[in-house]
């Protein structure tokens, strides 16, 4: 089965740039796709200094939905948004004041990859953090998802008026250009050793400034993971079987912990994604609306990432509904919810109202 590779290098333009992330892309792009992926053949998607977080999300979502192994290479810098103090991957237009609107929330990466089976996704990261984010990371490990293998480094900010280089990722690319791709853990160790030998290894992996808590490796017991079984069913086109299995776990979690518990809501979110994969945006939208209402009812604030993500996804799926009657019904519920959860993008509520007005004219 062919693999998929996503190459993402991003950093702000101008004074806020900490690392010349895009400089590593030509080196990575010179590596044969099959070597980048570790499969016989592979499709490669390259994003160099993208401008819009939604554009990155679209490419990430497509890569996550592809069958077969997925390898994601990310070089860039992390910054916290001022409102929620959550890590974001800075993009070309990002400034400290606009992180919330112009950067890619890191939890979007985690969310898009969470339905993939254990062992099917590998992330290789070469990230720099500004001083505020560096302090935050010392107490808060970067969460990239429990099913994913994660290797790389997060480095502290470089000295003033200095732009760092993605030396860890450059070492990875140099090793891979030999035409041989060692297992990811060995590739990681070799890249750290090469960086240390060249005097550029400070801050990489468990031996430098970043510390072991910032380099995460997920376990691989796949056979007992229901997510793996569900993902396999989706990839083979058995969408009804996948939803039935997720529904059983949803009911069991609701019985054991309550319908508004994190365990139960997780499976409701899984079912929302499964409806999307099955080509049923109305069912997906309704499920995301249910998740958002449950989280708000449980006392979570409207600006909580999980609440905003649920409403954003409901909004996106609503835009895919082609039946006017169902779109009007779901749109009314979405408009009421958007009044409480406007989200990070301006004009979301106005968009729903305009679309509802247009739908009303269709009879």
Protein backbone atom coordinates (compact mmCIF):
# COMPACT_ATOMS: atom_id res chain seq x y z
CA UNK A 1 0.00 0.00 0.00
CA UNK A 2 1.45 3.41 -0.91
CA UNK A 3 2.34 5.83 1.84
CA UNK A 4 1.64 9.53 2.22
CA UNK A 5 4.16 12.20 3.21
CA UNK A 6 3.34 15.74 4.34
CA UNK A 7 6.25 18.19 4.39
CA UNK A 8 5.36 21.34 6.33
CA UNK A 9 7.83 24.16 6.92
CA UNK A 10 6.53 27.44 8.28
CA UNK A 11 7.79 30.52 10.08
CA UNK A 12 6.74 34.17 10.25
CA UNK A 13 8.04 36.74 7.84
CA UNK A 14 10.00 39.58 9.42
CA UNK A 15 11.19 40.30 12.94
CA UNK A 16 9.23 37.53 14.60
CA UNK A 17 11.06 34.79 12.72
CA UNK A 18 13.06 32.46 14.99
CA UNK A 19 14.01 29.78 12.46
CA UNK A 20 14.51 29.62 8.71
CA UNK A 21 12.17 26.64 8.47
CA UNK A 22 11.70 26.58 4.69
CA UNK A 23 15.46 26.25 4.12
CA UNK A 24 15.23 22.52 4.86
CA UNK A 25 12.58 21.79 2.23
CA UNK A 26 14.94 21.57 -0.77
CA UNK A 27 17.00 18.99 1.11
CA UNK A 28 13.91 16.97 2.03
CA UNK A 29 12.47 17.31 -1.46
CA UNK A 30 15.65 15.76 -2.87
CA UNK A 31 14.89 12.54 -0.98
CA UNK A 32 12.93 9.97 -3.04
CA UNK A 33 9.27 9.80 -1.88
CA UNK A 34 9.54 6.10 -1.04
CA UNK A 35 12.47 6.81 1.29
CA UNK A 36 10.64 9.69 2.97
CA UNK A 37 7.73 7.35 3.63
CA UNK A 38 9.49 4.04 4.20
CA UNK A 39 7.07 2.38 1.72
CA UNK A 40 7.46 1.09 -1.84
CA UNK A 41 5.69 4.16 -3.26
CA UNK A 42 4.43 7.38 -1.72
CA UNK A 43 2.54 10.58 -2.45
CA UNK A 44 4.25 13.75 -1.19
CA UNK A 45 2.49 17.01 -0.28
CA UNK A 46 4.75 20.01 0.33
CA UNK A 47 3.71 23.19 2.16
CA UNK A 48 6.33 25.93 2.22
CA UNK A 49 5.57 28.98 4.39
CA UNK A 50 1.78 28.71 4.00
CA UNK A 51 -0.29 31.81 4.73
CA UNK A 52 -3.64 30.48 5.97
CA UNK A 53 -4.26 27.95 8.77
CA UNK A 54 -7.40 26.69 7.02
CA UNK A 55 -5.36 25.84 3.92
CA UNK A 56 -2.94 23.82 6.03
CA UNK A 57 -5.87 22.11 7.75
CA UNK A 58 -7.33 21.09 4.39
CA UNK A 59 -4.06 19.46 3.29
CA UNK A 60 -3.58 17.82 6.69
CA UNK A 61 -7.12 16.44 6.65
CA UNK A 62 -6.64 14.94 3.20
CA UNK A 63 -3.33 13.37 4.22
CA UNK A 64 -4.89 11.92 7.39
CA UNK A 65 -7.75 10.38 5.39
CA UNK A 66 -5.40 8.59 2.98
CA UNK A 67 -4.97 4.85 3.57
CA UNK A 68 -1.56 3.45 4.38
CA UNK A 69 1.30 4.86 6.45
CA UNK A 70 1.50 8.62 6.95
CA UNK A 71 4.73 10.47 7.75
CA UNK A 72 4.56 14.14 8.69
CA UNK A 73 7.71 16.27 8.71
CA UNK A 74 7.26 19.64 10.46
CA UNK A 75 9.85 22.40 10.76
CA UNK A 76 8.88 25.72 12.30
CA UNK A 77 8.23 27.63 15.48
CA UNK A 78 5.69 27.43 18.27
CA UNK A 79 3.90 30.39 19.83
CA UNK A 80 1.11 30.75 22.38
CA UNK A 81 -2.05 32.65 21.62
CA UNK A 82 -2.66 35.43 24.12
CA UNK A 83 -6.25 34.49 24.92
CA UNK A 84 -6.06 30.78 25.70
CA UNK A 85 -2.29 30.27 25.93
CA UNK A 86 -2.33 27.23 23.68
CA UNK A 87 0.54 26.29 21.34
CA UNK A 88 0.23 27.15 17.67
CA UNK A 89 2.50 26.57 14.69
CA UNK A 90 3.33 30.06 13.46
CA UNK A 91 2.69 30.71 9.76
CA UNK A 92 3.99 33.37 7.41
CA UNK A 93 1.63 36.13 8.60
CA UNK A 94 1.77 35.32 12.30
CA UNK A 95 2.70 37.99 14.82
CA UNK A 96 2.51 37.74 18.64
CA UNK A 97 -0.77 39.66 18.57
CA UNK A 98 -2.40 37.59 15.80
CA UNK A 99 -1.44 34.03 16.75
CA UNK A 100 -5.07 33.04 17.35
CA UNK A 101 -6.11 34.04 13.83
CA UNK A 102 -3.04 33.47 11.65
CA UNK A 103 -1.30 30.42 13.14
CA UNK A 104 -2.21 26.72 13.08
CA UNK A 105 -3.45 25.48 16.48
CA UNK A 106 -1.37 22.47 17.43
CA UNK A 107 -4.44 20.64 18.66
CA UNK A 108 -5.78 20.68 15.08
CA UNK A 109 -2.92 18.37 14.15
CA UNK A 110 -3.74 16.06 17.05
CA UNK A 111 -7.45 16.06 16.20
CA UNK A 112 -6.96 15.32 12.50
CA UNK A 113 -4.71 12.35 13.24
CA UNK A 114 -6.63 10.79 16.11
CA UNK A 115 -8.72 8.36 14.03
CA UNK A 116 -5.70 6.82 12.38
CA UNK A 117 -4.68 3.41 13.74
CA UNK A 118 -1.79 3.04 16.14
CA UNK A 119 1.51 2.62 14.35
CA UNK A 120 0.29 4.11 11.07
CA UNK A 121 1.44 7.70 11.69
CA UNK A 122 4.91 9.07 12.37
CA UNK A 123 5.73 12.71 13.09
CA UNK A 124 9.25 14.09 12.81
CA UNK A 125 9.43 17.55 14.37
CA UNK A 126 12.06 20.28 14.40
CA UNK A 127 10.49 23.14 16.32
CA UNK A 128 11.75 26.31 17.99
CA UNK A 129 9.84 28.17 20.69
CA UNK A 130 9.88 31.78 21.79
CA UNK A 131 10.67 32.47 25.43
CA UNK A 132 7.05 32.48 26.63
CA UNK A 133 6.23 29.25 24.83
CA UNK A 134 9.47 27.65 26.02
CA UNK A 135 8.49 28.28 29.63
CA UNK A 136 5.01 26.88 28.97
CA UNK A 137 6.46 23.74 27.39
CA UNK A 138 8.61 23.02 30.43
CA UNK A 139 5.38 22.31 32.33
CA UNK A 140 3.12 21.18 29.47
CA UNK A 141 4.31 18.44 27.09
CA UNK A 142 3.31 18.99 23.47
CA UNK A 143 0.38 16.64 22.82
CA UNK A 144 0.55 15.17 19.33
CA UNK A 145 -1.90 12.30 19.85
CA UNK A 146 -1.71 8.99 21.63
CA UNK A 147 -1.67 6.82 18.49
CA UNK A 148 1.26 8.54 16.82
CA UNK A 149 5.00 7.98 17.02
CA UNK A 150 6.70 11.36 17.55
CA UNK A 151 10.42 12.08 17.21
CA UNK A 152 12.41 15.27 17.03
CA UNK A 153 13.24 18.31 19.07
CA UNK A 154 11.84 21.52 20.45
CA UNK A 155 14.62 24.08 20.88
CA UNK A 156 14.66 27.24 23.01
CA UNK A 157 14.73 30.64 21.27
CA UNK A 158 18.02 31.56 19.62
CA UNK A 159 20.03 34.54 20.75
CA UNK A 160 18.78 37.99 19.80
CA UNK A 161 18.93 39.04 16.17
CA UNK A 162 19.72 35.45 15.20
CA UNK A 163 17.61 33.20 13.00
CA UNK A 164 18.18 29.52 13.79
CA UNK A 165 18.39 26.70 11.30
CA UNK A 166 16.34 23.49 11.45
CA UNK A 167 19.48 21.46 12.08
CA UNK A 168 17.68 18.34 13.34
CA UNK A 169 15.50 18.13 10.23
CA UNK A 170 18.47 18.89 7.99
CA UNK A 171 20.30 15.96 9.61
CA UNK A 172 17.27 13.73 9.03
CA UNK A 173 17.17 14.75 5.36
CA UNK A 174 20.91 14.21 4.95
CA UNK A 175 20.65 10.70 6.35
CA UNK A 176 17.69 9.86 4.10
CA UNK A 177 19.45 11.16 0.98
CA UNK A 178 21.66 8.09 1.23
CA UNK A 179 18.63 6.17 -0.07
CA UNK A 180 18.18 4.12 3.10
CA UNK A 181 15.47 4.85 5.67
CA UNK A 182 16.24 3.29 9.05
CA UNK A 183 13.37 2.71 11.50
CA UNK A 184 12.15 6.04 12.90
CA UNK A 185 13.70 5.56 16.33
CA UNK A 186 17.10 4.81 14.77
CA UNK A 187 16.71 7.72 12.32
CA UNK A 188 16.00 9.98 15.29
CA UNK A 189 19.07 8.84 17.21
CA UNK A 190 21.30 9.18 14.15
CA UNK A 191 20.01 12.69 13.50
CA UNK A 192 20.71 13.70 17.10
CA UNK A 193 24.21 12.23 16.90
CA UNK A 194 24.94 13.98 13.60
CA UNK A 195 23.71 17.30 15.00
CA UNK A 196 25.85 16.90 18.12
CA UNK A 197 28.90 16.03 16.04
CA UNK A 198 28.42 19.17 13.97
CA UNK A 199 27.99 21.32 17.05
CA UNK A 200 24.33 21.96 16.27
CA UNK A 201 22.71 19.38 18.47
CA UNK A 202 21.92 21.50 21.53
CA UNK A 203 18.23 21.35 22.29
CA UNK A 204 17.55 18.17 20.37
CA UNK A 205 15.92 15.10 21.82
CA UNK A 206 16.52 13.93 25.36
CA UNK A 207 20.11 15.12 25.50
CA UNK A 208 19.63 18.88 25.11
CA UNK A 209 17.63 21.85 26.25
CA UNK A 210 14.27 20.45 25.22
CA UNK A 211 14.39 17.55 27.70
CA UNK A 212 12.80 14.10 27.42
CA UNK A 213 9.29 15.29 28.20
CA UNK A 214 9.19 17.25 24.95
CA UNK A 215 9.97 14.25 22.73
CA UNK A 216 7.05 11.85 22.67
CA UNK A 217 6.84 8.29 21.38
CA UNK A 218 3.49 6.56 21.36
CA UNK A 219 3.21 2.84 22.20
CA UNK A 220 2.30 0.33 19.43
CA UNK A 221 -0.31 -2.58 21.16
CA UNK A 222 -2.51 -2.32 17.88
CA UNK A 223 -4.57 -5.48 18.07
CA UNK A 224 -6.54 -4.35 21.10
CA UNK A 225 -7.11 -0.79 19.89
CA UNK A 226 -10.72 -0.22 18.74
CA UNK A 227 -9.58 2.83 16.80
CA UNK A 228 -7.41 0.58 14.63
CA UNK A 229 -10.34 -1.74 13.92
CA UNK A 230 -12.55 1.23 13.06
CA UNK A 231 -9.93 2.79 10.82
CA UNK A 232 -9.47 -0.51 8.99
CA UNK A 233 -13.23 -0.74 8.43
CA UNK A 234 -13.30 2.80 7.02
CA UNK A 235 -10.38 2.12 4.70
CA UNK A 236 -12.12 -0.96 3.34
CA UNK A 237 -15.38 0.95 2.78
CA UNK A 238 -17.32 -0.73 5.61
CA UNK A 239 -18.67 2.53 6.99
CA UNK A 240 -21.75 1.02 8.65
CA UNK A 241 -19.59 -1.51 10.54
CA UNK A 242 -17.25 1.27 11.68
CA UNK A 243 -20.13 3.36 12.99
CA UNK A 244 -21.75 0.41 14.72
CA UNK A 245 -18.54 -0.38 16.61
CA UNK A 246 -18.08 3.26 17.60
CA UNK A 247 -21.72 3.44 18.71
CA UNK A 248 -21.21 0.45 21.02
CA UNK A 249 -18.24 2.15 22.64
CA UNK A 250 -20.21 5.38 22.91
CA UNK A 251 -23.06 3.64 24.73
CA UNK A 252 -20.68 1.77 27.03
CA UNK A 253 -18.85 4.98 27.93
CA UNK A 254 -22.13 6.82 28.55
CA UNK A 255 -23.38 4.02 30.81
CA UNK A 256 -20.11 3.91 32.74
CA UNK A 257 -19.26 7.60 32.99
CA UNK A 258 -22.29 9.60 31.84
CA UNK A 259 -23.25 10.93 28.38
CA UNK A 260 -21.35 14.20 28.91
CA UNK A 261 -18.13 12.49 30.06
CA UNK A 262 -14.95 12.87 28.05
CA UNK A 263 -14.98 9.15 27.24
CA UNK A 264 -18.52 9.30 25.84
CA UNK A 265 -17.95 12.55 23.95
CA UNK A 266 -14.79 11.14 22.42
CA UNK A 267 -16.82 8.39 20.78
CA UNK A 268 -19.49 10.87 19.68
CA UNK A 269 -16.68 12.82 17.99
CA UNK A 270 -15.41 9.63 16.38
CA UNK A 271 -18.90 8.97 14.99
CA UNK A 272 -19.03 12.53 13.66
CA UNK A 273 -15.81 11.90 11.76
CA UNK A 274 -17.08 8.52 10.55
CA UNK A 275 -20.19 10.19 9.12
CA UNK A 276 -17.94 12.60 7.24
CA UNK A 277 -15.88 9.72 5.82
CA UNK A 278 -19.12 7.99 4.80
CA UNK A 279 -20.23 11.06 2.86
CA UNK A 280 -23.08 11.98 5.23
CA UNK A 281 -22.39 15.63 6.19
CA UNK A 282 -25.82 16.12 7.76
CA UNK A 283 -25.25 13.30 10.25
CA UNK A 284 -21.72 14.56 10.90
CA UNK A 285 -22.97 18.11 11.48
CA UNK A 286 -25.66 16.91 13.89
CA UNK A 287 -23.12 14.89 15.87
CA UNK A 288 -20.75 17.85 16.18
CA UNK A 289 -23.65 20.05 17.32
CA UNK A 290 -24.44 17.43 19.96
CA UNK A 291 -20.83 17.44 21.16
CA UNK A 292 -20.73 21.23 21.40
CA UNK A 293 -24.01 21.44 23.29
CA UNK A 294 -22.90 18.70 25.70
CA UNK A 295 -19.61 20.44 26.42
CA UNK A 296 -21.31 23.77 27.02
CA UNK A 297 -23.92 22.07 29.19
CA UNK A 298 -21.14 20.52 31.25
CA UNK A 299 -19.77 24.00 32.03
CA UNK A 300 -16.98 24.26 29.49
CA UNK A 301 -16.49 27.88 28.35
CA UNK A 302 -17.39 28.89 24.77
CA UNK A 303 -13.73 29.63 24.01
CA UNK A 304 -12.52 26.18 25.11
CA UNK A 305 -10.61 24.53 22.23
CA UNK A 306 -12.81 21.42 22.25
CA UNK A 307 -15.99 23.53 22.11
CA UNK A 308 -14.72 25.77 19.33
CA UNK A 309 -13.45 22.77 17.37
CA UNK A 310 -16.84 21.05 17.61
CA UNK A 311 -18.73 24.13 16.38
CA UNK A 312 -16.20 24.78 13.62
CA UNK A 313 -16.54 21.22 12.39
CA UNK A 314 -20.33 21.37 12.56
CA UNK A 315 -20.17 24.57 10.52
CA UNK A 316 -17.89 22.98 7.92
CA UNK A 317 -20.08 19.90 7.56
CA UNK A 318 -23.22 22.01 7.35
CA UNK A 319 -21.72 23.70 4.31
CA UNK A 320 -21.58 20.29 2.59
CA UNK A 321 -25.29 19.47 3.11
CA UNK A 322 -27.11 19.56 -0.23
CA UNK A 323 -30.67 18.84 0.92
CA UNK A 324 -32.26 22.26 1.51
CA UNK A 325 -34.70 21.05 4.16
CA UNK A 326 -32.04 19.37 6.28
CA UNK A 327 -29.71 22.34 5.77
CA UNK A 328 -32.39 24.74 7.06
CA UNK A 329 -33.04 22.57 10.12
CA UNK A 330 -29.38 22.16 10.99
CA UNK A 331 -28.62 25.79 10.12
CA UNK A 332 -31.10 27.07 12.67
CA UNK A 333 -29.40 25.03 15.40
CA UNK A 334 -25.97 26.08 14.18
CA UNK A 335 -26.94 29.77 14.18
CA UNK A 336 -28.13 29.52 17.78
CA UNK A 337 -24.88 27.83 18.74
CA UNK A 338 -22.75 30.31 16.80
CA UNK A 339 -24.33 33.07 18.84
CA UNK A 340 -22.71 31.50 21.90
CA UNK A 341 -19.52 30.23 20.27
CA UNK A 342 -18.41 32.70 17.58
CA UNK A 343 -15.03 31.00 17.20
CA UNK A 344 -11.70 32.51 16.18
CA UNK A 345 -12.70 33.51 12.65
CA UNK A 346 -14.67 36.72 12.30
CA UNK A 347 -18.00 36.62 10.47
CA UNK A 348 -18.90 32.98 11.18
CA UNK A 349 -22.35 33.84 12.55
CA UNK A 350 -23.04 36.25 9.69
CA UNK A 351 -22.14 33.50 7.24
CA UNK A 352 -24.67 31.12 8.78
CA UNK A 353 -27.38 33.78 8.71
CA UNK A 354 -26.71 34.66 5.07
CA UNK A 355 -26.82 31.00 4.04
CA UNK A 356 -30.03 30.45 6.00
CA UNK A 357 -31.61 33.43 4.27
CA UNK A 358 -30.62 32.00 0.90
CA UNK A 359 -32.04 28.60 1.84
CA UNK A 360 -35.36 30.15 2.82
CA UNK A 361 -35.79 31.41 -0.73
CA UNK A 362 -35.45 27.88 -2.10
CA UNK A 363 -38.77 26.87 -0.58
